[in-house]
Amino acid sequence: MGKPGDAIKTIIAENEDRIATVIMVDAALKLEGEAVGDVAEGVGAAIGGSGVDQFKIEESILKYRIPVNAVIIKEDIGDAVSPMRKEIIDAADAVIERIKRLIRERTKEGDAVIIAGVGNTIGIGQ
């Protein structure tokens, strides 16, 4: 958890011209009819909370014109405060494949990429 906004902002500032893209991974509340563990992809900073970290990330990517992509795993409201369900753990392989595809499609060899997993990790390894 910590301060992902500060961390990403610092990494971008220290490597300004080398960062080709930022890929963020987080959980998101599923909609009715969606299954826990479904994986979705979008554009923008995927981070919950008060918005301070999101602002810092978006401020940095805008300043340096760095695209940001999001890969999220859908969960129910109860999943956010309970041990991680098997469906969410099983989604990890699909997330990894999406990240690899994003890197192949949106970067070239030698580019630097920030992959930021944010959020709570309660229950990992169960």
Protein backbone atom coordinates (compact mmCIF):
# COMPACT_ATOMS: atom_id res chain seq x y z
CA MET A 1 0.00 0.00 0.00
CA GLY A 2 2.24 2.86 1.15
CA LYS A 3 2.20 5.92 -1.08
CA PRO A 4 1.97 4.72 -4.69
CA GLY A 5 1.39 8.25 -5.99
CA ASP A 6 4.67 9.47 -4.54
CA ALA A 7 6.51 6.34 -5.69
CA ILE A 8 5.34 6.54 -9.29
CA LYS A 9 5.87 10.30 -9.41
CA THR A 10 9.48 9.86 -8.20
CA ILE A 11 10.24 7.05 -10.66
CA ILE A 12 8.88 9.11 -13.55
CA ALA A 13 10.84 12.21 -12.51
CA GLU A 14 14.08 10.22 -12.21
CA ASN A 15 13.59 8.52 -15.60
CA GLU A 16 11.56 11.13 -17.48
CA ASP A 17 12.42 10.28 -21.07
CA ARG A 18 12.80 6.53 -20.60
CA ILE A 19 9.28 5.63 -19.39
CA ALA A 20 7.20 4.49 -22.35
CA THR A 21 4.05 3.59 -20.43
CA VAL A 22 2.59 2.98 -16.99
CA ILE A 23 0.44 -0.10 -16.38
CA MET A 24 -1.58 -0.16 -13.18
CA VAL A 25 -3.18 -3.25 -11.68
CA ASP A 26 -5.89 -3.06 -9.05
CA ALA A 27 -9.25 -4.45 -8.05
CA ALA A 28 -12.56 -2.81 -8.89
CA LEU A 29 -16.10 -3.30 -7.75
CA LYS A 30 -17.95 -5.65 -10.08
CA LEU A 31 -21.28 -4.71 -11.60
CA GLU A 32 -24.37 -6.85 -11.27
CA GLY A 33 -24.06 -9.78 -13.64
CA GLU A 34 -20.25 -9.71 -13.69
CA ALA A 35 -18.36 -12.54 -12.07
CA VAL A 36 -15.81 -12.18 -9.31
CA GLY A 37 -12.41 -12.58 -10.95
CA ASP A 38 -13.39 -11.13 -14.34
CA VAL A 39 -10.54 -9.07 -15.79
CA ALA A 40 -11.08 -5.73 -17.49
CA GLU A 41 -8.75 -3.29 -19.19
CA GLY A 42 -8.91 0.45 -19.61
CA VAL A 43 -7.05 3.73 -19.76
CA GLY A 44 -6.17 5.87 -16.76
CA ALA A 45 -4.85 5.54 -13.25
CA ALA A 46 -6.49 2.58 -11.54
CA ILE A 47 -6.33 3.46 -7.89
CA GLY A 48 -8.97 3.92 -5.23
CA GLY A 49 -8.81 5.97 -2.09
CA SER A 50 -9.06 9.68 -1.49
CA GLY A 51 -7.77 10.69 -4.92
CA VAL A 52 -4.47 12.20 -3.74
CA ASP A 53 -2.37 9.34 -5.16
CA GLN A 54 -4.38 9.33 -8.38
CA PHE A 55 -3.81 13.07 -8.77
CA LYS A 56 -0.04 12.71 -8.27
CA ILE A 57 0.15 9.93 -10.85
CA GLU A 58 -1.99 11.75 -13.39
CA GLU A 59 -0.05 14.99 -12.84
CA SER A 60 3.22 13.20 -13.65
CA ILE A 61 1.98 11.28 -16.67
CA LEU A 62 0.45 14.45 -18.09
CA LYS A 63 3.66 16.45 -17.54
CA TYR A 64 5.78 13.84 -19.35
CA ARG A 65 3.06 12.71 -21.78
CA ILE A 66 3.22 9.08 -20.67
CA PRO A 67 0.25 6.83 -21.50
CA VAL A 68 -1.27 4.93 -18.59
CA ASN A 69 -3.24 1.71 -18.88
CA ALA A 70 -5.22 -0.14 -16.24
CA VAL A 71 -5.86 -3.84 -15.76
CA ILE A 72 -8.40 -4.61 -13.07
CA ILE A 73 -9.85 -7.67 -11.43
CA LYS A 74 -13.54 -7.45 -10.57
CA GLU A 75 -14.59 -8.18 -7.01
CA ASP A 76 -17.63 -7.87 -4.77
CA ILE A 77 -17.76 -5.28 -2.00
CA GLY A 78 -17.20 -8.01 0.61
CA ASP A 79 -14.08 -9.22 -1.17
CA ALA A 80 -12.30 -5.96 -0.36
CA VAL A 81 -12.30 -6.73 3.37
CA SER A 82 -12.01 -10.51 3.45
CA PRO A 83 -9.39 -13.13 2.60
CA MET A 84 -8.78 -13.37 -1.12
CA ARG A 85 -11.13 -15.70 -2.98
CA LYS A 86 -9.89 -18.37 -5.35
CA GLU A 87 -11.55 -16.64 -8.32
CA ILE A 88 -9.44 -13.55 -7.73
CA ILE A 89 -6.21 -15.52 -7.30
CA ASP A 90 -7.00 -17.49 -10.46
CA ALA A 91 -7.37 -14.22 -12.40
CA ALA A 92 -3.66 -13.46 -11.90
CA ASP A 93 -2.62 -15.46 -14.99
CA ALA A 94 -5.06 -13.52 -17.19
CA VAL A 95 -3.75 -10.24 -15.75
CA ILE A 96 -0.15 -11.23 -16.48
CA GLU A 97 -1.07 -12.10 -20.09
CA ARG A 98 -2.81 -8.73 -20.54
CA ILE A 99 0.22 -6.91 -19.16
CA LYS A 100 2.52 -8.79 -21.54
CA ARG A 101 0.24 -7.95 -24.47
CA LEU A 102 0.14 -4.26 -23.52
CA ILE A 103 3.93 -4.17 -23.34
CA ARG A 104 4.29 -5.90 -26.73
CA GLU A 105 1.74 -3.63 -28.40
CA ARG A 106 2.64 -0.28 -26.85
CA THR A 107 6.39 -0.32 -26.34
CA LYS A 108 9.53 -1.13 -28.23
CA GLU A 109 12.65 -2.96 -27.12
CA GLY A 110 14.67 -0.91 -24.64
CA ASP A 111 11.69 1.10 -23.33
CA ALA A 112 11.15 1.34 -19.60
CA VAL A 113 7.72 0.42 -18.24
CA ILE A 114 6.26 1.01 -14.80
CA ILE A 115 3.98 -1.80 -13.66
CA ALA A 116 2.24 -0.74 -10.46
CA GLY A 117 0.13 -3.14 -8.46
CA VAL A 118 -1.88 -1.12 -5.98
CA GLY A 119 -4.33 -2.02 -3.28
CA ASN A 120 -4.60 -4.48 -0.48
CA THR A 121 -3.10 -7.97 -0.66
CA ILE A 122 -4.85 -9.61 2.31
CA GLY A 123 -5.17 -13.34 1.79
CA ILE A 124 -2.46 -13.88 -0.82
CA GLY A 125 -0.93 -17.30 -0.46
CA GLN A 126 -3.98 -18.95 1.05
